[in-house]
PDB file of all heavy atoms in Angstrom:
ATOM      1  N   ASN A   1      76.578 -65.096  -0.214  1.00  0.00           N
ATOM      2  CA  ASN A   1      77.265 -65.392   1.053  1.00  0.00           C
ATOM      3  C   ASN A   1      76.318 -65.771   2.189  1.00  0.00           C
ATOM      4  O   ASN A   1      76.768 -66.046   3.301  1.00  0.00           O
ATOM      5  CB  ASN A   1      78.148 -64.211   1.476  1.00  0.00           C
ATOM      6  CG  ASN A   1      77.360 -62.912   1.613  1.00  0.00           C
ATOM      7  OD1 ASN A   1      76.140 -62.917   1.777  1.00  0.00           O
ATOM      8  ND2 ASN A   1      78.068 -61.780   1.545  1.00  0.00           N
ATOM      9  N   GLY A   2      75.007 -65.774   1.916  1.00  0.00           N
ATOM     10  CA  GLY A   2      74.039 -66.175   2.937  1.00  0.00           C
ATOM     11  C   GLY A   2      73.849 -65.163   4.046  1.00  0.00           C
ATOM     12  O   GLY A   2      73.282 -65.482   5.094  1.00  0.00           O
ATOM     13  N   LYS A   3      74.292 -63.924   3.816  1.00  0.00           N
ATOM     14  CA  LYS A   3      74.175 -62.904   4.865  1.00  0.00           C
ATOM     15  C   LYS A   3      72.925 -62.059   4.675  1.00  0.00           C
ATOM     16  O   LYS A   3      72.565 -61.685   3.563  1.00  0.00           O
ATOM     17  CB  LYS A   3      75.416 -62.005   4.873  1.00  0.00           C
ATOM     18  CG  LYS A   3      76.670 -62.728   5.336  1.00  0.00           C
ATOM     19  CD  LYS A   3      77.825 -61.772   5.577  1.00  0.00           C
ATOM     20  CE  LYS A   3      79.019 -62.503   6.167  1.00  0.00           C
ATOM     21  NZ  LYS A   3      80.122 -61.591   6.510  1.00  0.00           N
ATOM     22  N   TYR A   4      72.289 -61.779   5.809  1.00  0.00           N
ATOM     23  CA  TYR A   4      71.078 -60.960   5.815  1.00  0.00           C
ATOM     24  C   TYR A   4      71.416 -59.508   6.120  1.00  0.00           C
ATOM     25  O   TYR A   4      72.341 -59.212   6.884  1.00  0.00           O
ATOM     26  CB  TYR A   4      70.092 -61.469   6.874  1.00  0.00           C
ATOM     27  CG  TYR A   4      69.514 -62.829   6.575  1.00  0.00           C
ATOM     28  CD1 TYR A   4      70.138 -63.987   7.056  1.00  0.00           C
ATOM     29  CD2 TYR A   4      68.356 -62.974   5.817  1.00  0.00           C
ATOM     30  CE1 TYR A   4      69.614 -65.248   6.790  1.00  0.00           C
ATOM     31  CE2 TYR A   4      67.829 -64.224   5.539  1.00  0.00           C
ATOM     32  CZ  TYR A   4      68.465 -65.358   6.032  1.00  0.00           C
ATOM     33  OH  TYR A   4      67.948 -66.596   5.758  1.00  0.00           O
ATOM     34  N   SER A   5      70.648 -58.599   5.537  1.00  0.00           N
ATOM     35  CA  SER A   5      70.778 -57.170   5.817  1.00  0.00           C
ATOM     36  C   SER A   5      69.398 -56.544   5.809  1.00  0.00           C
ATOM     37  O   SER A   5      68.406 -57.203   5.464  1.00  0.00           O
ATOM     38  CB  SER A   5      71.684 -56.487   4.775  1.00  0.00           C
ATOM     39  OG  SER A   5      71.168 -56.694   3.473  1.00  0.00           O
ATOM     40  N   ILE A   6      69.316 -55.268   6.193  1.00  0.00           N
ATOM     41  CA  ILE A   6      68.039 -54.562   6.243  1.00  0.00           C
ATOM     42  C   ILE A   6      67.421 -54.485   4.843  1.00  0.00           C
ATOM     43  O   ILE A   6      68.109 -54.212   3.862  1.00  0.00           O
ATOM     44  CB  ILE A   6      68.233 -53.145   6.820  1.00  0.00           C
ATOM     45  CG1 ILE A   6      68.505 -53.234   8.327  1.00  0.00           C
ATOM     46  CG2 ILE A   6      67.024 -52.263   6.561  1.00  0.00           C
ATOM     47  CD1 ILE A   6      67.345 -53.761   9.150  1.00  0.00           C
ATOM     48  N   GLY A   7      66.097 -54.719   4.768  1.00  0.00           N
ATOM     49  CA  GLY A   7      65.392 -54.722   3.496  1.00  0.00           C
ATOM     50  C   GLY A   7      64.634 -53.431   3.226  1.00  0.00           C
ATOM     51  O   GLY A   7      64.596 -52.515   4.057  1.00  0.00           O
ATOM     52  N   ILE A   8      63.987 -53.401   2.088  1.00  0.00           N
ATOM     53  CA  ILE A   8      63.321 -52.186   1.618  1.00  0.00           C
ATOM     54  C   ILE A   8      62.141 -51.776   2.498  1.00  0.00           C
ATOM     55  O   ILE A   8      61.862 -50.586   2.660  1.00  0.00           O
ATOM     56  CB  ILE A   8      62.857 -52.362   0.143  1.00  0.00           C
ATOM     57  CG1 ILE A   8      62.396 -51.029  -0.439  1.00  0.00           C
ATOM     58  CG2 ILE A   8      61.784 -53.425   0.026  1.00  0.00           C
ATOM     59  CD1 ILE A   8      63.489 -50.012  -0.581  1.00  0.00           C
ATOM     60  N   SER A   9      61.432 -52.742   3.091  1.00  0.00           N
ATOM     61  CA  SER A   9      60.283 -52.391   3.938  1.00  0.00           C
ATOM     62  C   SER A   9      60.724 -51.635   5.191  1.00  0.00           C
ATOM     63  O   SER A   9      60.089 -50.663   5.604  1.00  0.00           O
ATOM     64  CB  SER A   9      59.503 -53.652   4.325  1.00  0.00           C
ATOM     65  OG  SER A   9      58.882 -54.229   3.209  1.00  0.00           O
ATOM     66  N   ALA A  10      61.829 -52.092   5.797  1.00  0.00           N
ATOM     67  CA  ALA A  10      62.366 -51.396   6.970  1.00  0.00           C
ATOM     68  C   ALA A  10      62.849 -50.013   6.585  1.00  0.00           C
ATOM     69  O   ALA A  10      62.659 -49.034   7.317  1.00  0.00           O
ATOM     70  CB  ALA A  10      63.501 -52.206   7.598  1.00  0.00           C
ATOM     71  N   PHE A  11      63.480 -49.927   5.411  1.00  0.00           N
ATOM     72  CA  PHE A  11      63.956 -48.633   4.921  1.00  0.00           C
ATOM     73  C   PHE A  11      62.791 -47.667   4.713  1.00  0.00           C
ATOM     74  O   PHE A  11      62.870 -46.484   5.044  1.00  0.00           O
ATOM     75  CB  PHE A  11      64.713 -48.810   3.612  1.00  0.00           C
ATOM     76  CG  PHE A  11      65.143 -47.514   2.978  1.00  0.00           C
ATOM     77  CD1 PHE A  11      66.239 -46.821   3.452  1.00  0.00           C
ATOM     78  CD2 PHE A  11      64.430 -46.984   1.915  1.00  0.00           C
ATOM     79  CE1 PHE A  11      66.629 -45.622   2.879  1.00  0.00           C
ATOM     80  CE2 PHE A  11      64.808 -45.780   1.331  1.00  0.00           C
ATOM     81  CZ  PHE A  11      65.905 -45.101   1.812  1.00  0.00           C
ATOM     82  N   ALA A  12      61.673 -48.189   4.176  1.00  0.00           N
ATOM     83  CA  ALA A  12      60.511 -47.339   3.917  1.00  0.00           C
ATOM     84  C   ALA A  12      59.949 -46.764   5.214  1.00  0.00           C
ATOM     85  O   ALA A  12      59.582 -45.591   5.281  1.00  0.00           O
ATOM     86  CB  ALA A  12      59.433 -48.141   3.191  1.00  0.00           C
ATOM     87  N   ILE A  13      59.921 -47.588   6.268  1.00  0.00           N
ATOM     88  CA  ILE A  13      59.423 -47.110   7.557  1.00  0.00           C
ATOM     89  C   ILE A  13      60.351 -46.037   8.112  1.00  0.00           C
ATOM     90  O   ILE A  13      59.906 -44.991   8.593  1.00  0.00           O
ATOM     91  CB  ILE A  13      59.302 -48.280   8.554  1.00  0.00           C
ATOM     92  CG1 ILE A  13      58.151 -49.196   8.137  1.00  0.00           C
ATOM     93  CG2 ILE A  13      59.073 -47.761   9.978  1.00  0.00           C
ATOM     94  CD1 ILE A  13      58.034 -50.447   8.971  1.00  0.00           C
ATOM     95  N   GLY A  14      61.657 -46.297   8.047  1.00  0.00           N
ATOM     96  CA  GLY A  14      62.627 -45.305   8.529  1.00  0.00           C
ATOM     97  C   GLY A  14      62.553 -44.016   7.747  1.00  0.00           C
ATOM     98  O   GLY A  14      62.634 -42.923   8.315  1.00  0.00           O
ATOM     99  N   SER A  15      62.376 -44.119   6.447  1.00  0.00           N
ATOM    100  CA  SER A  15      62.291 -42.928   5.603  1.00  0.00           C
ATOM    101  C   SER A  15      61.061 -42.099   5.939  1.00  0.00           C
ATOM    102  O   SER A  15      61.098 -40.877   5.908  1.00  0.00           O
ATOM    103  CB  SER A  15      62.257 -43.337   4.124  1.00  0.00           C
ATOM    104  OG  SER A  15      63.450 -43.977   3.764  1.00  0.00           O
ATOM    105  N   THR A  16      59.964 -42.772   6.263  1.00  0.00           N
ATOM    106  CA  THR A  16      58.740 -42.065   6.647  1.00  0.00           C
ATOM    107  C   THR A  16      58.976 -41.237   7.900  1.00  0.00           C
ATOM    108  O   THR A  16      58.555 -40.094   8.012  1.00  0.00           O
ATOM    109  CB  THR A  16      57.600 -43.064   6.895  1.00  0.00           C
ATOM    110  OG1 THR A  16      57.352 -43.781   5.697  1.00  0.00           O
ATOM    111  CG2 THR A  16      56.325 -42.336   7.322  1.00  0.00           C
ATOM    112  N   TYR A  17      59.708 -41.823   8.861  1.00  0.00           N
ATOM    113  CA  TYR A  17      59.986 -41.088  10.097  1.00  0.00           C
ATOM    114  C   TYR A  17      60.882 -39.881   9.830  1.00  0.00           C
ATOM    115  O   TYR A  17      60.609 -38.767  10.260  1.00  0.00           O
ATOM    116  CB  TYR A  17      60.658 -42.003  11.125  1.00  0.00           C
ATOM    117  CG  TYR A  17      61.127 -41.238  12.339  1.00  0.00           C
ATOM    118  CD1 TYR A  17      60.231 -40.821  13.307  1.00  0.00           C
ATOM    119  CD2 TYR A  17      62.466 -40.889  12.489  1.00  0.00           C
ATOM    120  CE1 TYR A  17      60.643 -40.081  14.400  1.00  0.00           C
ATOM    121  CE2 TYR A  17      62.885 -40.156  13.572  1.00  0.00           C
ATOM    122  CZ  TYR A  17      61.974 -39.758  14.530  1.00  0.00           C
ATOM    123  OH  TYR A  17      62.392 -39.025  15.591  1.00  0.00           O
ATOM    124  N   VAL A  18      61.977 -40.137   9.099  1.00  0.00           N
ATOM    125  CA  VAL A  18      62.939 -39.060   8.855  1.00  0.00           C
ATOM    126  C   VAL A  18      62.308 -37.921   8.061  1.00  0.00           C
ATOM    127  O   VAL A  18      62.609 -36.753   8.280  1.00  0.00           O
ATOM    128  CB  VAL A  18      64.181 -39.608   8.120  1.00  0.00           C
ATOM    129  CG1 VAL A  18      65.096 -38.484   7.676  1.00  0.00           C
ATOM    130  CG2 VAL A  18      64.944 -40.563   9.026  1.00  0.00           C
ATOM    131  N   SER A  19      61.401 -38.268   7.127  1.00  0.00           N
ATOM    132  CA  SER A  19      60.799 -37.234   6.292  1.00  0.00           C
ATOM    133  C   SER A  19      59.699 -36.466   7.002  1.00  0.00           C
ATOM    134  O   SER A  19      59.230 -35.451   6.518  1.00  0.00           O
ATOM    135  CB  SER A  19      60.238 -37.867   5.008  1.00  0.00           C
ATOM    136  OG  SER A  19      59.179 -38.749   5.321  1.00  0.00           O
ATOM    137  N   SER A  20      59.274 -36.959   8.163  1.00  0.00           N
ATOM    138  CA  SER A  20      58.230 -36.251   8.905  1.00  0.00           C
ATOM    139  C   SER A  20      58.817 -34.972   9.499  1.00  0.00           C
ATOM    140  O   SER A  20      60.025 -34.811   9.646  1.00  0.00           O
ATOM    141  CB  SER A  20      57.675 -37.136  10.022  1.00  0.00           C
ATOM    142  OG  SER A  20      58.671 -37.369  10.992  1.00  0.00           O
ATOM    143  N   LYS A  21      57.933 -34.056   9.855  1.00  0.00           N
ATOM    144  CA  LYS A  21      58.388 -32.763  10.386  1.00  0.00           C
ATOM    145  C   LYS A  21      58.769 -32.955  11.850  1.00  0.00           C
ATOM    146  O   LYS A  21      58.058 -32.552  12.760  1.00  0.00           O
ATOM    147  CB  LYS A  21      57.291 -31.712  10.219  1.00  0.00           C
ATOM    148  CG  LYS A  21      57.787 -30.286  10.416  1.00  0.00           C
ATOM    149  CD  LYS A  21      56.715 -29.291  10.038  1.00  0.00           C
ATOM    150  CE  LYS A  21      57.194 -27.863  10.218  1.00  0.00           C
ATOM    151  NZ  LYS A  21      58.348 -27.544   9.371  1.00  0.00           N
ATOM    152  N   SER A  22      59.884 -33.591  12.083  1.00  0.00           N
ATOM    153  CA  SER A  22      60.353 -33.906  13.424  1.00  0.00           C
ATOM    154  C   SER A  22      61.470 -32.963  13.837  1.00  0.00           C
ATOM    155  O   SER A  22      62.023 -32.227  13.025  1.00  0.00           O
ATOM    156  CB  SER A  22      60.875 -35.347  13.463  1.00  0.00           C
ATOM    157  OG  SER A  22      61.991 -35.467  12.604  1.00  0.00           O
ATOM    158  N   LEU A  23      61.797 -33.051  15.085  1.00  0.00           N
ATOM    159  CA  LEU A  23      62.918 -32.269  15.604  1.00  0.00           C
ATOM    160  C   LEU A  23      64.194 -32.644  14.861  1.00  0.00           C
ATOM    161  O   LEU A  23      65.030 -31.787  14.571  1.00  0.00           O
ATOM    162  CB  LEU A  23      63.070 -32.536  17.099  1.00  0.00           C
ATOM    163  CG  LEU A  23      64.215 -31.831  17.802  1.00  0.00           C
ATOM    164  CD1 LEU A  23      64.031 -30.323  17.761  1.00  0.00           C
ATOM    165  CD2 LEU A  23      64.352 -32.311  19.234  1.00  0.00           C
ATOM    166  N   LEU A  24      64.323 -33.915  14.544  1.00  0.00           N
ATOM    167  CA  LEU A  24      65.510 -34.388  13.842  1.00  0.00           C
ATOM    168  C   LEU A  24      65.713 -33.644  12.523  1.00  0.00           C
ATOM    169  O   LEU A  24      66.830 -33.278  12.167  1.00  0.00           O
ATOM    170  CB  LEU A  24      65.403 -35.889  13.587  1.00  0.00           C
ATOM    171  CG  LEU A  24      66.542 -36.566  12.823  1.00  0.00           C
ATOM    172  CD1 LEU A  24      67.873 -36.321  13.515  1.00  0.00           C
ATOM    173  CD2 LEU A  24      66.273 -38.044  12.679  1.00  0.00           C
ATOM    174  N   SER A  25      64.627 -33.398  11.795  1.00  0.00           N
ATOM    175  CA  SER A  25      64.756 -32.735  10.498  1.00  0.00           C
ATOM    176  C   SER A  25      65.274 -31.309  10.647  1.00  0.00           C
ATOM    177  O   SER A  25      66.055 -30.828   9.824  1.00  0.00           O
ATOM    178  CB  SER A  25      63.414 -32.740   9.757  1.00  0.00           C
ATOM    179  OG  SER A  25      62.456 -31.940  10.416  1.00  0.00           O
ATOM    180  N   HIS A  26      64.859 -30.617  11.705  1.00  0.00           N
ATOM    181  CA  HIS A  26      65.332 -29.258  11.941  1.00  0.00           C
ATOM    182  C   HIS A  26      66.834 -29.252  12.270  1.00  0.00           C
ATOM    183  O   HIS A  26      67.590 -28.416  11.770  1.00  0.00           O
ATOM    184  CB  HIS A  26      64.549 -28.620  13.094  1.00  0.00           C
ATOM    185  CG  HIS A  26      63.118 -28.332  12.770  1.00  0.00           C
ATOM    186  ND1 HIS A  26      62.743 -27.333  11.895  1.00  0.00           N
ATOM    187  CD2 HIS A  26      61.972 -28.918  13.190  1.00  0.00           C
ATOM    188  CE1 HIS A  26      61.411 -27.305  11.800  1.00  0.00           C
ATOM    189  NE2 HIS A  26      60.930 -28.262  12.576  1.00  0.00           N
ATOM    190  N   ILE A  27      67.244 -30.184  13.120  1.00  0.00           N
ATOM    191  CA  ILE A  27      68.654 -30.246  13.497  1.00  0.00           C
ATOM    192  C   ILE A  27      69.493 -30.703  12.302  1.00  0.00           C
ATOM    193  O   ILE A  27      70.629 -30.253  12.114  1.00  0.00           O
ATOM    194  CB  ILE A  27      68.850 -31.177  14.710  1.00  0.00           C
ATOM    195  CG1 ILE A  27      68.049 -30.647  15.906  1.00  0.00           C
ATOM    196  CG2 ILE A  27      70.332 -31.268  15.085  1.00  0.00           C
ATOM    197  CD1 ILE A  27      68.115 -31.523  17.138  1.00  0.00           C
ATOM    198  N   HIS A  28      68.920 -31.577  11.504  1.00  0.00           N
ATOM    199  CA  HIS A  28      69.614 -32.052  10.303  1.00  0.00           C
ATOM    200  C   HIS A  28      69.956 -30.876   9.388  1.00  0.00           C
ATOM    201  O   HIS A  28      71.043 -30.808   8.806  1.00  0.00           O
ATOM    202  CB  HIS A  28      68.719 -33.057   9.569  1.00  0.00           C
ATOM    203  CG  HIS A  28      69.456 -33.978   8.662  1.00  0.00           C
ATOM    204  ND1 HIS A  28      69.634 -33.722   7.319  1.00  0.00           N
ATOM    205  CD2 HIS A  28      70.079 -35.173   8.892  1.00  0.00           C
ATOM    206  CE1 HIS A  28      70.315 -34.704   6.768  1.00  0.00           C
ATOM    207  NE2 HIS A  28      70.606 -35.604   7.696  1.00  0.00           N
ATOM    208  N   SER A  29      69.039 -29.935   9.273  1.00  0.00           N
ATOM    209  CA  SER A  29      69.268 -28.744   8.457  1.00  0.00           C
ATOM    210  C   SER A  29      70.433 -27.921   9.018  1.00  0.00           C
ATOM    211  O   SER A  29      71.284 -27.440   8.268  1.00  0.00           O
ATOM    212  CB  SER A  29      67.995 -27.888   8.413  1.00  0.00           C
ATOM    213  OG  SER A  29      68.222 -26.685   7.730  1.00  0.00           O
ATOM    214  N   ALA A  30      70.456 -27.785  10.345  1.00  0.00           N
ATOM    215  CA  ALA A  30      71.545 -27.045  10.984  1.00  0.00           C
ATOM    216  C   ALA A  30      72.885 -27.756  10.790  1.00  0.00           C
ATOM    217  O   ALA A  30      73.924 -27.119  10.609  1.00  0.00           O
ATOM    218  CB  ALA A  30      71.248 -26.880  12.478  1.00  0.00           C
ATOM    219  N   MET A  31      72.873 -29.073  10.803  1.00  0.00           N
ATOM    220  CA  MET A  31      74.093 -29.853  10.574  1.00  0.00           C
ATOM    221  C   MET A  31      74.619 -29.631   9.161  1.00  0.00           C
ATOM    222  O   MET A  31      75.832 -29.536   8.945  1.00  0.00           O
ATOM    223  CB  MET A  31      73.826 -31.334  10.826  1.00  0.00           C
ATOM    224  CG  MET A  31      73.571 -31.684  12.288  1.00  0.00           C
ATOM    225  SD  MET A  31      72.942 -33.379  12.516  1.00  0.00           S
ATOM    226  CE  MET A  31      74.330 -34.363  11.939  1.00  0.00           C
ATOM    227  N   ASN A  32      73.703 -29.534   8.198  1.00  0.00           N
ATOM    228  CA  ASN A  32      74.106 -29.243   6.821  1.00  0.00           C
ATOM    229  C   ASN A  32      74.845 -27.912   6.736  1.00  0.00           C
ATOM    230  O   ASN A  32      75.863 -27.784   6.042  1.00  0.00           O
ATOM    231  CB  ASN A  32      72.877 -29.199   5.912  1.00  0.00           C
ATOM    232  CG  ASN A  32      72.627 -30.514   5.197  1.00  0.00           C
ATOM    233  OD1 ASN A  32      73.515 -31.062   4.569  1.00  0.00           O
ATOM    234  ND2 ASN A  32      71.413 -31.012   5.307  1.00  0.00           N
ATOM    235  N   GLU A  33      74.317 -26.920   7.449  1.00  0.00           N
ATOM    236  CA  GLU A  33      74.936 -25.596   7.446  1.00  0.00           C
ATOM    237  C   GLU A  33      76.337 -25.668   8.057  1.00  0.00           C
ATOM    238  O   GLU A  33      77.275 -25.023   7.569  1.00  0.00           O
ATOM    239  CB  GLU A  33      74.059 -24.616   8.218  1.00  0.00           C
ATOM    240  CG  GLU A  33      72.711 -24.350   7.541  1.00  0.00           C
ATOM    241  CD  GLU A  33      71.786 -23.501   8.393  1.00  0.00           C
ATOM    242  OE1 GLU A  33      72.274 -22.895   9.377  1.00  0.00           O
ATOM    243  OE2 GLU A  33      70.576 -23.449   8.088  1.00  0.00           O
ATOM    244  N   LEU A  34      76.473 -26.439   9.138  1.00  0.00           N
ATOM    245  CA  LEU A  34      77.781 -26.579   9.791  1.00  0.00           C
ATOM    246  C   LEU A  34      78.803 -27.192   8.829  1.00  0.00           C
ATOM    247  O   LEU A  34      79.938 -26.705   8.721  1.00  0.00           O
ATOM    248  CB  LEU A  34      77.647 -27.450  11.042  1.00  0.00           C
ATOM    249  CG  LEU A  34      78.929 -27.680  11.857  1.00  0.00           C
ATOM    250  CD1 LEU A  34      78.594 -27.855  13.331  1.00  0.00           C
ATOM    251  CD2 LEU A  34      79.706 -28.907  11.377  1.00  0.00           C
ATOM    252  N   VAL A  35      78.420 -28.255   8.133  1.00  0.00           N
ATOM    253  CA  VAL A  35      79.339 -28.919   7.210  1.00  0.00           C
ATOM    254  C   VAL A  35      79.740 -27.984   6.068  1.00  0.00           C
ATOM    255  O   VAL A  35      80.888 -27.990   5.620  1.00  0.00           O
ATOM    256  CB  VAL A  35      78.710 -30.220   6.667  1.00  0.00           C
ATOM    257  CG1 VAL A  35      79.584 -30.829   5.565  1.00  0.00           C
ATOM    258  CG2 VAL A  35      78.516 -31.221   7.797  1.00  0.00           C
ATOM    259  N   THR A  36      78.810 -27.148   5.631  1.00  0.00           N
ATOM    260  CA  THR A  36      79.122 -26.177   4.580  1.00  0.00           C
ATOM    261  C   THR A  36      80.223 -25.220   5.029  1.00  0.00           C
ATOM    262  O   THR A  36      81.111 -24.855   4.257  1.00  0.00           O
ATOM    263  CB  THR A  36      77.861 -25.368   4.204  1.00  0.00           C
ATOM    264  OG1 THR A  36      76.868 -26.267   3.701  1.00  0.00           O
ATOM    265  CG2 THR A  36      78.174 -24.326   3.147  1.00  0.00           C
ATOM    266  N   VAL A  37      80.173 -24.831   6.298  1.00  0.00           N
ATOM    267  CA  VAL A  37      81.165 -23.895   6.842  1.00  0.00           C
ATOM    268  C   VAL A  37      82.494 -24.594   7.161  1.00  0.00           C
ATOM    269  O   VAL A  37      83.566 -24.101   6.825  1.00  0.00           O
ATOM    270  CB  VAL A  37      80.623 -23.203   8.113  1.00  0.00           C
ATOM    271  CG1 VAL A  37      81.720 -22.350   8.766  1.00  0.00           C
ATOM    272  CG2 VAL A  37      79.415 -22.339   7.778  1.00  0.00           C
ATOM    273  N   CYS A  38      82.409 -25.767   7.818  1.00  0.00           N
ATOM    274  CA  CYS A  38      83.612 -26.421   8.340  1.00  0.00           C
ATOM    275  C   CYS A  38      84.260 -27.417   7.373  1.00  0.00           C
ATOM    276  O   CYS A  38      85.428 -27.763   7.535  1.00  0.00           O
ATOM    277  CB  CYS A  38      83.284 -27.151   9.636  1.00  0.00           C
ATOM    278  SG  CYS A  38      82.709 -26.080  10.974  1.00  0.00           S
ATOM    279  N   ASN A  39      83.483 -27.911   6.418  1.00  0.00           N
ATOM    280  CA  ASN A  39      83.977 -28.928   5.490  1.00  0.00           C
ATOM    281  C   ASN A  39      84.422 -30.196   6.202  1.00  0.00           C
ATOM    282  O   ASN A  39      85.360 -30.874   5.765  1.00  0.00           O
ATOM    283  CB  ASN A  39      85.139 -28.387   4.637  1.00  0.00           C
ATOM    284  CG  ASN A  39      84.662 -27.454   3.550  1.00  0.00           C
ATOM    285  OD1 ASN A  39      83.668 -27.738   2.874  1.00  0.00           O
ATOM    286  ND2 ASN A  39      85.335 -26.338   3.385  1.00  0.00           N
ATOM    287  N   GLU A  40      83.768 -30.516   7.309  1.00  0.00           N
ATOM    288  CA  GLU A  40      84.080 -31.735   8.051  1.00  0.00           C
ATOM    289  C   GLU A  40      82.781 -32.470   8.377  1.00  0.00           C
ATOM    290  O   GLU A  40      81.705 -31.886   8.367  1.00  0.00           O
ATOM    291  CB  GLU A  40      84.827 -31.405   9.354  1.00  0.00           C
ATOM    292  CG  GLU A  40      86.130 -30.645   9.181  1.00  0.00           C
ATOM    293  CD  GLU A  40      87.214 -31.427   8.440  1.00  0.00           C
ATOM    294  OE1 GLU A  40      87.039 -32.645   8.208  1.00  0.00           O
ATOM    295  OE2 GLU A  40      88.246 -30.815   8.098  1.00  0.00           O
ATOM    296  N   THR A  41      82.900 -33.753   8.666  1.00  0.00           N
ATOM    297  CA  THR A  41      81.734 -34.596   8.937  1.00  0.00           C
ATOM    298  C   THR A  41      81.075 -34.233  10.265  1.00  0.00           C
ATOM    299  O   THR A  41      81.747 -34.053  11.280  1.00  0.00           O
ATOM    300  CB  THR A  41      82.142 -36.076   8.952  1.00  0.00           C
ATOM    301  OG1 THR A  41      82.640 -36.428   7.662  1.00  0.00           O
ATOM    302  CG2 THR A  41      80.967 -36.969   9.299  1.00  0.00           C
ATOM    303  N   CYS A  42      79.748 -34.162  10.248  1.00  0.00           N
ATOM    304  CA  CYS A  42      78.970 -33.848  11.449  1.00  0.00           C
ATOM    305  C   CYS A  42      78.063 -35.031  11.774  1.00  0.00           C
ATOM    306  O   CYS A  42      77.366 -35.561  10.899  1.00  0.00           O
ATOM    307  CB  CYS A  42      78.141 -32.586  11.210  1.00  0.00           C
ATOM    308  SG  CYS A  42      77.208 -32.018  12.654  1.00  0.00           S
TER     309      CYS A  42
END
């Protein structure tokens, strides 16, 4: 269809950030706990 989307190199950079020991990773863990309790999307 000639449409462009995000490629693997951009994904690799994003994955490096998310996997780093950032504030986001700590909150992400808390979000997992919330979904376990509430069974709803966070």
